[in-house]
Amino acid sequence: GTAFAALELGTLAVATSGLTRQSYEAGGRVYGHIVDPHARAPAAGAVRSVTVIHEEAMLADAWATALFAARAGVGPELARRRSISALFLVELDGRLVPDATGAAGDLLL
């Protein structure tokens, strides 16, 4: 399913990386364009998208991609350790469940 959220950004930038636009399904698995460097294969797992809010657009984009490519469970923990404002959408039992880090939860309307 598709999830929508409204953000109050002010002067901040936002970037999202995920499976929505650049992916395909084969054999019951979704393959995306973001590569997990450890597996040397398309990133796999329950994370469907990562949105990062940052003062600099280039860093928002870089962190969104890096956090999406991180292994399962690593992305949100890394974002918390680095105080990165991120919104992870994770698929659990066919539903998209949000997991916000940093100030991302405060910016959701």
PDB file of N, CA and C in Angstrom:
ATOM      1  N   GLY A   1       0.812  -1.184   0.000  1.00  0.00           N
ATOM      2  CA  GLY A   1       0.000   0.000   0.000  1.00  0.00           C
ATOM      3  C   GLY A   1       0.851   1.241   0.000  1.00  0.00           C
ATOM      4  N   THR A   2       0.220   2.334  -0.283  1.00  0.00           N
ATOM      5  CA  THR A   2       0.883   3.627  -0.311  1.00  0.00           C
ATOM      6  C   THR A   2       0.618   4.360   0.991  1.00  0.00           C
ATOM      7  N   ALA A   3       1.644   5.019   1.506  1.00  0.00           N
ATOM      8  CA  ALA A   3       1.508   5.795   2.734  1.00  0.00           C
ATOM      9  C   ALA A   3       1.801   7.252   2.423  1.00  0.00           C
ATOM     10  N   PHE A   4       1.077   8.137   3.079  1.00  0.00           N
ATOM     11  CA  PHE A   4       1.276   9.556   2.886  1.00  0.00           C
ATOM     12  C   PHE A   4       1.508  10.205   4.239  1.00  0.00           C
ATOM     13  N   ALA A   5       2.362  11.221   4.255  1.00  0.00           N
ATOM     14  CA  ALA A   5       2.601  11.988   5.468  1.00  0.00           C
ATOM     15  C   ALA A   5       2.852  13.430   5.052  1.00  0.00           C
ATOM     16  N   ALA A   6       2.463  14.352   5.891  1.00  0.00           N
ATOM     17  CA  ALA A   6       2.738  15.766   5.661  1.00  0.00           C
ATOM     18  C   ALA A   6       3.815  16.191   6.654  1.00  0.00           C
ATOM     19  N   LEU A   7       4.763  16.975   6.171  1.00  0.00           N
ATOM     20  CA  LEU A   7       5.862  17.453   6.999  1.00  0.00           C
ATOM     21  C   LEU A   7       5.867  18.969   7.028  1.00  0.00           C
ATOM     22  N   GLU A   8       6.184  19.532   8.165  1.00  0.00           N
ATOM     23  CA  GLU A   8       6.390  20.968   8.266  1.00  0.00           C
ATOM     24  C   GLU A   8       7.893  21.199   8.282  1.00  0.00           C
ATOM     25  N   LEU A   9       8.452  21.621   7.121  1.00  0.00           N
ATOM     26  CA  LEU A   9       9.896  21.668   6.943  1.00  0.00           C
ATOM     27  C   LEU A   9      10.542  23.005   7.258  1.00  0.00           C
ATOM     28  N   GLY A  10       9.846  24.090   7.049  1.00  0.00           N
ATOM     29  CA  GLY A  10      10.504  25.385   7.202  1.00  0.00           C
ATOM     30  C   GLY A  10      11.616  25.512   6.180  1.00  0.00           C
ATOM     31  N   THR A  11      12.861  25.694   6.625  1.00  0.00           N
ATOM     32  CA  THR A  11      14.007  25.843   5.719  1.00  0.00           C
ATOM     33  C   THR A  11      14.780  24.535   5.546  1.00  0.00           C
ATOM     34  N   LEU A  12      14.249  23.433   6.020  1.00  0.00           N
ATOM     35  CA  LEU A  12      14.938  22.150   5.930  1.00  0.00           C
ATOM     36  C   LEU A  12      14.687  21.478   4.585  1.00  0.00           C
ATOM     37  N   ALA A  13      15.560  20.526   4.244  1.00  0.00           N
ATOM     38  CA  ALA A  13      15.424  19.748   3.018  1.00  0.00           C
ATOM     39  C   ALA A  13      14.952  18.341   3.374  1.00  0.00           C
ATOM     40  N   VAL A  14      14.341  17.661   2.417  1.00  0.00           N
ATOM     41  CA  VAL A  14      13.863  16.302   2.631  1.00  0.00           C
ATOM     42  C   VAL A  14      14.235  15.451   1.422  1.00  0.00           C
ATOM     43  N   ALA A  15      14.603  14.190   1.683  1.00  0.00           N
ATOM     44  CA  ALA A  15      14.905  13.243   0.615  1.00  0.00           C
ATOM     45  C   ALA A  15      14.398  11.871   1.036  1.00  0.00           C
ATOM     46  N   THR A  16      13.881  11.127   0.066  1.00  0.00           N
ATOM     47  CA  THR A  16      13.361   9.792   0.335  1.00  0.00           C
ATOM     48  C   THR A  16      14.019   8.782  -0.591  1.00  0.00           C
ATOM     49  N   SER A  17      14.418   7.648  -0.021  1.00  0.00           N
ATOM     50  CA  SER A  17      14.923   6.512  -0.794  1.00  0.00           C
ATOM     51  C   SER A  17      14.061   5.309  -0.458  1.00  0.00           C
ATOM     52  N   GLY A  18      13.777   4.500  -1.462  1.00  0.00           N
ATOM     53  CA  GLY A  18      12.954   3.336  -1.184  1.00  0.00           C
ATOM     54  C   GLY A  18      12.634   2.535  -2.416  1.00  0.00           C
ATOM     55  N   LEU A  19      11.602   1.730  -2.293  1.00  0.00           N
ATOM     56  CA  LEU A  19      11.234   0.779  -3.339  1.00  0.00           C
ATOM     57  C   LEU A  19      10.063   1.223  -4.200  1.00  0.00           C
ATOM     58  N   THR A  20       9.468   2.352  -3.922  1.00  0.00           N
ATOM     59  CA  THR A  20       8.234   2.735  -4.595  1.00  0.00           C
ATOM     60  C   THR A  20       8.398   2.945  -6.093  1.00  0.00           C
ATOM     61  N   ARG A  21       9.403   3.664  -6.516  1.00  0.00           N
ATOM     62  CA  ARG A  21       9.518   4.051  -7.931  1.00  0.00           C
ATOM     63  C   ARG A  21      10.457   3.161  -8.741  1.00  0.00           C
ATOM     64  N   GLN A  22      11.596   2.835  -8.223  1.00  0.00           N
ATOM     65  CA  GLN A  22      12.600   2.110  -9.000  1.00  0.00           C
ATOM     66  C   GLN A  22      12.787   0.700  -8.450  1.00  0.00           C
ATOM     67  N   SER A  23      11.806  -0.133  -8.698  1.00  0.00           N
ATOM     68  CA  SER A  23      11.877  -1.512  -8.230  1.00  0.00           C
ATOM     69  C   SER A  23      11.033  -2.403  -9.136  1.00  0.00           C
ATOM     70  N   TYR A  24      11.237  -3.697  -8.978  1.00  0.00           N
ATOM     71  CA  TYR A  24      10.415  -4.668  -9.697  1.00  0.00           C
ATOM     72  C   TYR A  24      10.253  -5.904  -8.827  1.00  0.00           C
ATOM     73  N   GLU A  25       9.251  -6.714  -9.130  1.00  0.00           N
ATOM     74  CA  GLU A  25       9.004  -7.930  -8.372  1.00  0.00           C
ATOM     75  C   GLU A  25       9.268  -9.137  -9.256  1.00  0.00           C
ATOM     76  N   ALA A  26       9.957 -10.124  -8.706  1.00  0.00           N
ATOM     77  CA  ALA A  26      10.221 -11.373  -9.413  1.00  0.00           C
ATOM     78  C   ALA A  26      10.263 -12.501  -8.387  1.00  0.00           C
ATOM     79  N   GLY A  27       9.537 -13.549  -8.661  1.00  0.00           N
ATOM     80  CA  GLY A  27       9.546 -14.688  -7.764  1.00  0.00           C
ATOM     81  C   GLY A  27       9.063 -14.374  -6.361  1.00  0.00           C
ATOM     82  N   GLY A  28       8.125 -13.419  -6.242  1.00  0.00           N
ATOM     83  CA  GLY A  28       7.583 -13.061  -4.934  1.00  0.00           C
ATOM     84  C   GLY A  28       8.468 -12.150  -4.109  1.00  0.00           C
ATOM     85  N   ARG A  29       9.559 -11.665  -4.674  1.00  0.00           N
ATOM     86  CA  ARG A  29      10.461 -10.765  -3.957  1.00  0.00           C
ATOM     87  C   ARG A  29      10.565  -9.446  -4.701  1.00  0.00           C
ATOM     88  N   VAL A  30      10.650  -8.348  -3.961  1.00  0.00           N
ATOM     89  CA  VAL A  30      10.801  -7.021  -4.555  1.00  0.00           C
ATOM     90  C   VAL A  30      12.291  -6.682  -4.614  1.00  0.00           C
ATOM     91  N   TYR A  31      12.747  -6.253  -5.787  1.00  0.00           N
ATOM     92  CA  TYR A  31      14.137  -5.864  -5.997  1.00  0.00           C
ATOM     93  C   TYR A  31      14.183  -4.377  -6.293  1.00  0.00           C
ATOM     94  N   GLY A  32      15.043  -3.666  -5.591  1.00  0.00           N
ATOM     95  CA  GLY A  32      15.174  -2.233  -5.791  1.00  0.00           C
ATOM     96  C   GLY A  32      16.513  -1.870  -6.397  1.00  0.00           C
ATOM     97  N   HIS A  33      16.717  -0.583  -6.603  1.00  0.00           N
ATOM     98  CA  HIS A  33      17.944  -0.091  -7.230  1.00  0.00           C
ATOM     99  C   HIS A  33      19.043   0.221  -6.223  1.00  0.00           C
ATOM    100  N   ILE A  34      18.749   0.148  -4.917  1.00  0.00           N
ATOM    101  CA  ILE A  34      19.743   0.452  -3.892  1.00  0.00           C
ATOM    102  C   ILE A  34      20.430  -0.848  -3.492  1.00  0.00           C
ATOM    103  N   VAL A  35      21.752  -0.847  -3.530  1.00  0.00           N
ATOM    104  CA  VAL A  35      22.526  -2.048  -3.270  1.00  0.00           C
ATOM    105  C   VAL A  35      23.025  -2.070  -1.832  1.00  0.00           C
ATOM    106  N   ASP A  36      22.853  -3.212  -1.176  1.00  0.00           N
ATOM    107  CA  ASP A  36      23.432  -3.461   0.144  1.00  0.00           C
ATOM    108  C   ASP A  36      24.886  -3.839  -0.093  1.00  0.00           C
ATOM    109  N   PRO A  37      25.838  -2.998   0.336  1.00  0.00           N
ATOM    110  CA  PRO A  37      27.241  -3.282   0.034  1.00  0.00           C
ATOM    111  C   PRO A  37      27.761  -4.546   0.712  1.00  0.00           C
ATOM    112  N   HIS A  38      27.169  -4.952   1.817  1.00  0.00           N
ATOM    113  CA  HIS A  38      27.610  -6.175   2.494  1.00  0.00           C
ATOM    114  C   HIS A  38      27.170  -7.417   1.728  1.00  0.00           C
ATOM    115  N   ALA A  39      25.946  -7.398   1.235  1.00  0.00           N
ATOM    116  CA  ALA A  39      25.410  -8.546   0.507  1.00  0.00           C
ATOM    117  C   ALA A  39      25.784  -8.513  -0.977  1.00  0.00           C
ATOM    118  N   ARG A  40      26.212  -7.331  -1.449  1.00  0.00           N
ATOM    119  CA  ARG A  40      26.515  -7.137  -2.872  1.00  0.00           C
ATOM    120  C   ARG A  40      25.315  -7.517  -3.745  1.00  0.00           C
ATOM    121  N   ALA A  41      24.154  -7.102  -3.254  1.00  0.00           N
ATOM    122  CA  ALA A  41      22.890  -7.391  -3.927  1.00  0.00           C
ATOM    123  C   ALA A  41      21.899  -6.294  -3.565  1.00  0.00           C
ATOM    124  N   PRO A  42      20.772  -6.222  -4.275  1.00  0.00           N
ATOM    125  CA  PRO A  42      19.771  -5.223  -3.907  1.00  0.00           C
ATOM    126  C   PRO A  42      19.388  -5.346  -2.429  1.00  0.00           C
ATOM    127  N   ALA A  43      19.254  -4.210  -1.771  1.00  0.00           N
ATOM    128  CA  ALA A  43      18.876  -4.192  -0.354  1.00  0.00           C
ATOM    129  C   ALA A  43      17.557  -4.927  -0.186  1.00  0.00           C
ATOM    130  N   ALA A  44      17.500  -5.791   0.822  1.00  0.00           N
ATOM    131  CA  ALA A  44      16.307  -6.593   1.074  1.00  0.00           C
ATOM    132  C   ALA A  44      15.912  -6.425   2.534  1.00  0.00           C
ATOM    133  N   GLY A  45      14.678  -6.668   2.816  1.00  0.00           N
ATOM    134  CA  GLY A  45      14.205  -6.582   4.192  1.00  0.00           C
ATOM    135  C   GLY A  45      12.852  -5.918   4.245  1.00  0.00           C
ATOM    136  N   ALA A  46      12.432  -5.585   5.439  1.00  0.00           N
ATOM    137  CA  ALA A  46      11.099  -5.042   5.654  1.00  0.00           C
ATOM    138  C   ALA A  46      11.011  -3.538   5.417  1.00  0.00           C
ATOM    139  N   VAL A  47      12.143  -2.836   5.370  1.00  0.00           N
ATOM    140  CA  VAL A  47      12.108  -1.387   5.162  1.00  0.00           C
ATOM    141  C   VAL A  47      11.674  -1.104   3.728  1.00  0.00           C
ATOM    142  N   ARG A  48      10.651  -0.270   3.582  1.00  0.00           N
ATOM    143  CA  ARG A  48      10.135   0.085   2.258  1.00  0.00           C
ATOM    144  C   ARG A  48      10.602   1.464   1.808  1.00  0.00           C
ATOM    145  N   SER A  49      10.838   2.371   2.768  1.00  0.00           N
ATOM    146  CA  SER A  49      11.380   3.680   2.414  1.00  0.00           C
ATOM    147  C   SER A  49      11.986   4.327   3.644  1.00  0.00           C
ATOM    148  N   VAL A  50      12.912   5.241   3.370  1.00  0.00           N
ATOM    149  CA  VAL A  50      13.523   6.057   4.423  1.00  0.00           C
ATOM    150  C   VAL A  50      13.502   7.499   3.940  1.00  0.00           C
ATOM    151  N   THR A  51      12.918   8.378   4.733  1.00  0.00           N
ATOM    152  CA  THR A  51      12.895   9.805   4.445  1.00  0.00           C
ATOM    153  C   THR A  51      13.755  10.501   5.479  1.00  0.00           C
ATOM    154  N   VAL A  52      14.692  11.316   5.015  1.00  0.00           N
ATOM    155  CA  VAL A  52      15.594  12.040   5.916  1.00  0.00           C
ATOM    156  C   VAL A  52      15.353  13.528   5.764  1.00  0.00           C
ATOM    157  N   ILE A  53      15.322  14.208   6.899  1.00  0.00           N
ATOM    158  CA  ILE A  53      15.151  15.660   6.955  1.00  0.00           C
ATOM    159  C   ILE A  53      16.454  16.236   7.474  1.00  0.00           C
ATOM    160  N   HIS A  54      17.025  17.179   6.732  1.00  0.00           N
ATOM    161  CA  HIS A  54      18.342  17.708   7.091  1.00  0.00           C
ATOM    162  C   HIS A  54      18.434  19.152   6.615  1.00  0.00           C
ATOM    163  N   GLU A  55      19.400  19.865   7.140  1.00  0.00           N
ATOM    164  CA  GLU A  55      19.625  21.262   6.722  1.00  0.00           C
ATOM    165  C   GLU A  55      20.160  21.337   5.296  1.00  0.00           C
ATOM    166  N   GLU A  56      20.845  20.294   4.839  1.00  0.00           N
ATOM    167  CA  GLU A  56      21.430  20.276   3.501  1.00  0.00           C
ATOM    168  C   GLU A  56      20.799  19.172   2.662  1.00  0.00           C
ATOM    169  N   ALA A  57      20.303  19.526   1.489  1.00  0.00           N
ATOM    170  CA  ALA A  57      19.612  18.564   0.626  1.00  0.00           C
ATOM    171  C   ALA A  57      20.519  17.406   0.230  1.00  0.00           C
ATOM    172  N   MET A  58      21.780  17.694  -0.089  1.00  0.00           N
ATOM    173  CA  MET A  58      22.688  16.632  -0.509  1.00  0.00           C
ATOM    174  C   MET A  58      22.909  15.612   0.609  1.00  0.00           C
ATOM    175  N   LEU A  59      23.017  16.074   1.842  1.00  0.00           N
ATOM    176  CA  LEU A  59      23.191  15.148   2.961  1.00  0.00           C
ATOM    177  C   LEU A  59      21.909  14.388   3.272  1.00  0.00           C
ATOM    178  N   ALA A  60      20.764  15.032   3.097  1.00  0.00           N
ATOM    179  CA  ALA A  60      19.487  14.323   3.273  1.00  0.00           C
ATOM    180  C   ALA A  60      19.408  13.164   2.290  1.00  0.00           C
ATOM    181  N   ASP A  61      19.770  13.415   1.027  1.00  0.00           N
ATOM    182  CA  ASP A  61      19.726  12.376   0.001  1.00  0.00           C
ATOM    183  C   ASP A  61      20.731  11.262   0.299  1.00  0.00           C
ATOM    184  N   ALA A  62      21.945  11.623   0.664  1.00  0.00           N
ATOM    185  CA  ALA A  62      22.974  10.616   0.954  1.00  0.00           C
ATOM    186  C   ALA A  62      22.572   9.743   2.142  1.00  0.00           C
ATOM    187  N   TRP A  63      22.081  10.358   3.213  1.00  0.00           N
ATOM    188  CA  TRP A  63      21.692   9.590   4.387  1.00  0.00           C
ATOM    189  C   TRP A  63      20.475   8.718   4.111  1.00  0.00           C
ATOM    190  N   ALA A  64      19.516   9.211   3.330  1.00  0.00           N
ATOM    191  CA  ALA A  64      18.337   8.400   3.017  1.00  0.00           C
ATOM    192  C   ALA A  64      18.752   7.119   2.295  1.00  0.00           C
ATOM    193  N   THR A  65      19.662   7.231   1.348  1.00  0.00           N
ATOM    194  CA  THR A  65      20.133   6.057   0.617  1.00  0.00           C
ATOM    195  C   THR A  65      20.936   5.133   1.525  1.00  0.00           C
ATOM    196  N   ALA A  66      21.849   5.698   2.300  1.00  0.00           N
ATOM    197  CA  ALA A  66      22.691   4.881   3.189  1.00  0.00           C
ATOM    198  C   ALA A  66      21.857   4.156   4.241  1.00  0.00           C
ATOM    199  N   LEU A  67      20.898   4.850   4.834  1.00  0.00           N
ATOM    200  CA  LEU A  67      20.067   4.215   5.861  1.00  0.00           C
ATOM    201  C   LEU A  67      19.173   3.138   5.271  1.00  0.00           C
ATOM    202  N   PHE A  68      18.718   3.329   4.029  1.00  0.00           N
ATOM    203  CA  PHE A  68      17.912   2.296   3.378  1.00  0.00           C
ATOM    204  C   PHE A  68      18.763   1.060   3.090  1.00  0.00           C
ATOM    205  N   ALA A  69      20.014   1.276   2.677  1.00  0.00           N
ATOM    206  CA  ALA A  69      20.902   0.157   2.332  1.00  0.00           C
ATOM    207  C   ALA A  69      21.424  -0.582   3.553  1.00  0.00           C
ATOM    208  N   ALA A  70      21.333   0.026   4.736  1.00  0.00           N
ATOM    209  CA  ALA A  70      21.834  -0.618   5.957  1.00  0.00           C
ATOM    210  C   ALA A  70      21.086  -1.911   6.219  1.00  0.00           C
ATOM    211  N   ARG A  71      21.767  -2.847   6.812  1.00  0.00           N
ATOM    212  CA  ARG A  71      21.133  -4.137   7.118  1.00  0.00           C
ATOM    213  C   ARG A  71      19.970  -3.969   8.084  1.00  0.00           C
ATOM    214  N   ALA A  72      19.094  -4.964   8.119  1.00  0.00           N
ATOM    215  CA  ALA A  72      17.883  -4.924   8.945  1.00  0.00           C
ATOM    216  C   ALA A  72      18.212  -4.540  10.382  1.00  0.00           C
ATOM    217  N   GLY A  73      17.489  -3.580  10.894  1.00  0.00           N
ATOM    218  CA  GLY A  73      17.671  -3.141  12.277  1.00  0.00           C
ATOM    219  C   GLY A  73      18.799  -2.153  12.466  1.00  0.00           C
ATOM    220  N   VAL A  74      19.713  -2.061  11.510  1.00  0.00           N
ATOM    221  CA  VAL A  74      20.877  -1.182  11.645  1.00  0.00           C
ATOM    222  C   VAL A  74      20.528   0.270  11.327  1.00  0.00           C
ATOM    223  N   GLY A  75      19.685   0.485  10.308  1.00  0.00           N
ATOM    224  CA  GLY A  75      19.360   1.843   9.865  1.00  0.00           C
ATOM    225  C   GLY A  75      18.793   2.727  10.964  1.00  0.00           C
ATOM    226  N   PRO A  76      17.704   2.322  11.612  1.00  0.00           N
ATOM    227  CA  PRO A  76      17.143   3.173  12.671  1.00  0.00           C
ATOM    228  C   PRO A  76      18.118   3.401  13.830  1.00  0.00           C
ATOM    229  N   GLU A  77      18.871   2.376  14.193  1.00  0.00           N
ATOM    230  CA  GLU A  77      19.843   2.533  15.290  1.00  0.00           C
ATOM    231  C   GLU A  77      20.948   3.508  14.899  1.00  0.00           C
ATOM    232  N   LEU A  78      21.435   3.419  13.669  1.00  0.00           N
ATOM    233  CA  LEU A  78      22.453   4.351  13.179  1.00  0.00           C
ATOM    234  C   LEU A  78      21.907   5.773  13.167  1.00  0.00           C
ATOM    235  N   ALA A  79      20.683   5.941  12.692  1.00  0.00           N
ATOM    236  CA  ALA A  79      20.062   7.272  12.670  1.00  0.00           C
ATOM    237  C   ALA A  79      19.939   7.838  14.082  1.00  0.00           C
ATOM    238  N   ARG A  80      19.567   7.006  15.033  1.00  0.00           N
ATOM    239  CA  ARG A  80      19.448   7.472  16.426  1.00  0.00           C
ATOM    240  C   ARG A  80      20.812   7.870  16.986  1.00  0.00           C
ATOM    241  N   ARG A  81      21.827   7.051  16.744  1.00  0.00           N
ATOM    242  CA  ARG A  81      23.174   7.364  17.244  1.00  0.00           C
ATOM    243  C   ARG A  81      23.721   8.657  16.652  1.00  0.00           C
ATOM    244  N   ARG A  82      23.400   8.917  15.388  1.00  0.00           N
ATOM    245  CA  ARG A  82      23.907  10.103  14.686  1.00  0.00           C
ATOM    246  C   ARG A  82      22.962  11.298  14.784  1.00  0.00           C
ATOM    247  N   SER A  83      21.870  11.160  15.531  1.00  0.00           N
ATOM    248  CA  SER A  83      20.855  12.221  15.672  1.00  0.00           C
ATOM    249  C   SER A  83      20.325  12.675  14.320  1.00  0.00           C
ATOM    250  N   ILE A  84      20.071  11.713  13.441  1.00  0.00           N
ATOM    251  CA  ILE A  84      19.525  12.007  12.115  1.00  0.00           C
ATOM    252  C   ILE A  84      18.005  11.929  12.197  1.00  0.00           C
ATOM    253  N   SER A  85      17.363  12.945  11.674  1.00  0.00           N
ATOM    254  CA  SER A  85      15.899  12.963  11.626  1.00  0.00           C
ATOM    255  C   SER A  85      15.444  12.149  10.430  1.00  0.00           C
ATOM    256  N   ALA A  86      14.893  10.973  10.704  1.00  0.00           N
ATOM    257  CA  ALA A  86      14.498  10.068   9.622  1.00  0.00           C
ATOM    258  C   ALA A  86      13.164   9.420   9.936  1.00  0.00           C
ATOM    259  N   LEU A  87      12.441   9.109   8.876  1.00  0.00           N
ATOM    260  CA  LEU A  87      11.195   8.373   8.989  1.00  0.00           C
ATOM    261  C   LEU A  87      11.345   7.095   8.174  1.00  0.00           C
ATOM    262  N   PHE A  88      11.353   5.963   8.858  1.00  0.00           N
ATOM    263  CA  PHE A  88      11.436   4.652   8.228  1.00  0.00           C
ATOM    264  C   PHE A  88      10.019   4.113   8.099  1.00  0.00           C
ATOM    265  N   LEU A  89       9.660   3.632   6.915  1.00  0.00           N
ATOM    266  CA  LEU A  89       8.394   2.921   6.737  1.00  0.00           C
ATOM    267  C   LEU A  89       8.745   1.455   6.584  1.00  0.00           C
ATOM    268  N   VAL A  90       8.267   0.654   7.531  1.00  0.00           N
ATOM    269  CA  VAL A  90       8.600  -0.763   7.606  1.00  0.00           C
ATOM    270  C   VAL A  90       7.339  -1.580   7.381  1.00  0.00           C
ATOM    271  N   GLU A  91       7.429  -2.600   6.530  1.00  0.00           N
ATOM    272  CA  GLU A  91       6.276  -3.457   6.282  1.00  0.00           C
ATOM    273  C   GLU A  91       6.240  -4.576   7.316  1.00  0.00           C
ATOM    274  N   LEU A  92       5.149  -4.625   8.066  1.00  0.00           N
ATOM    275  CA  LEU A  92       4.913  -5.662   9.062  1.00  0.00           C
ATOM    276  C   LEU A  92       3.512  -6.217   8.847  1.00  0.00           C
ATOM    277  N   ASP A  93       3.420  -7.488   8.571  1.00  0.00           N
ATOM    278  CA  ASP A  93       2.125  -8.151   8.356  1.00  0.00           C
ATOM    279  C   ASP A  93       1.284  -7.436   7.307  1.00  0.00           C
ATOM    280  N   GLY A  94       1.917  -6.994   6.217  1.00  0.00           N
ATOM    281  CA  GLY A  94       1.199  -6.344   5.129  1.00  0.00           C
ATOM    282  C   GLY A  94       0.835  -4.892   5.366  1.00  0.00           C
ATOM    283  N   ARG A  95       1.245  -4.335   6.503  1.00  0.00           N
ATOM    284  CA  ARG A  95       0.958  -2.921   6.798  1.00  0.00           C
ATOM    285  C   ARG A  95       2.260  -2.141   6.861  1.00  0.00           C
ATOM    286  N   LEU A  96       2.211  -0.862   6.519  1.00  0.00           N
ATOM    287  CA  LEU A  96       3.371   0.011   6.651  1.00  0.00           C
ATOM    288  C   LEU A  96       3.339   0.668   8.025  1.00  0.00           C
ATOM    289  N   VAL A  97       4.388   0.451   8.785  1.00  0.00           N
ATOM    290  CA  VAL A  97       4.482   0.966  10.145  1.00  0.00           C
ATOM    291  C   VAL A  97       5.611   2.003  10.184  1.00  0.00           C
ATOM    292  N   PRO A  98       5.346   3.226  10.665  1.00  0.00           N
ATOM    293  CA  PRO A  98       6.388   4.248  10.730  1.00  0.00           C
ATOM    294  C   PRO A  98       7.290   4.071  11.949  1.00  0.00           C
ATOM    295  N   ASP A  99       8.559   4.408  11.783  1.00  0.00           N
ATOM    296  CA  ASP A  99       9.532   4.443  12.872  1.00  0.00           C
ATOM    297  C   ASP A  99      10.325   5.726  12.684  1.00  0.00           C
ATOM    298  N   ALA A 100      10.080   6.726  13.518  1.00  0.00           N
ATOM    299  CA  ALA A 100      10.718   8.035  13.378  1.00  0.00           C
ATOM    300  C   ALA A 100      11.900   8.151  14.327  1.00  0.00           C
ATOM    301  N   THR A 101      12.974   8.785  13.847  1.00  0.00           N
ATOM    302  CA  THR A 101      14.148   9.060  14.668  1.00  0.00           C
ATOM    303  C   THR A 101      14.410  10.564  14.668  1.00  0.00           C
ATOM    304  N   GLY A 102      15.168  11.017  15.660  1.00  0.00           N
ATOM    305  CA  GLY A 102      15.474  12.445  15.747  1.00  0.00           C
ATOM    306  C   GLY A 102      14.203  13.276  15.811  1.00  0.00           C
ATOM    307  N   ALA A 103      14.221  14.403  15.134  1.00  0.00           N
ATOM    308  CA  ALA A 103      13.089  15.324  15.165  1.00  0.00           C
ATOM    309  C   ALA A 103      12.023  14.984  14.133  1.00  0.00           C
ATOM    310  N   ALA A 104      12.208  13.899  13.374  1.00  0.00           N
ATOM    311  CA  ALA A 104      11.256  13.564  12.303  1.00  0.00           C
ATOM    312  C   ALA A 104       9.840  13.411  12.854  1.00  0.00           C
ATOM    313  N   GLY A 105       9.694  12.787  13.995  1.00  0.00           N
ATOM    314  CA  GLY A 105       8.362  12.613  14.583  1.00  0.00           C
ATOM    315  C   GLY A 105       7.704  13.927  14.928  1.00  0.00           C
ATOM    316  N   ASP A 106       8.505  14.914  15.315  1.00  0.00           N
ATOM    317  CA  ASP A 106       7.968  16.231  15.666  1.00  0.00           C
ATOM    318  C   ASP A 106       7.533  17.011  14.439  1.00  0.00           C
ATOM    319  N   LEU A 107       8.099  16.696  13.261  1.00  0.00           N
ATOM    320  CA  LEU A 107       7.779  17.426  12.045  1.00  0.00           C
ATOM    321  C   LEU A 107       6.578  16.858  11.308  1.00  0.00           C
ATOM    322  N   LEU A 108       6.129  15.645  11.686  1.00  0.00           N
ATOM    323  CA  LEU A 108       4.945  15.054  11.046  1.00  0.00           C
ATOM    324  C   LEU A 108       3.695  15.821  11.453  1.00  0.00           C
ATOM    325  N   LEU A 109       2.860  16.129  10.480  1.00  0.00           N
ATOM    326  CA  LEU A 109       1.606  16.828  10.759  1.00  0.00           C
ATOM    327  C   LEU A 109       0.475  15.834  10.848  1.00  0.00           C
TER     328      LEU A 109
END
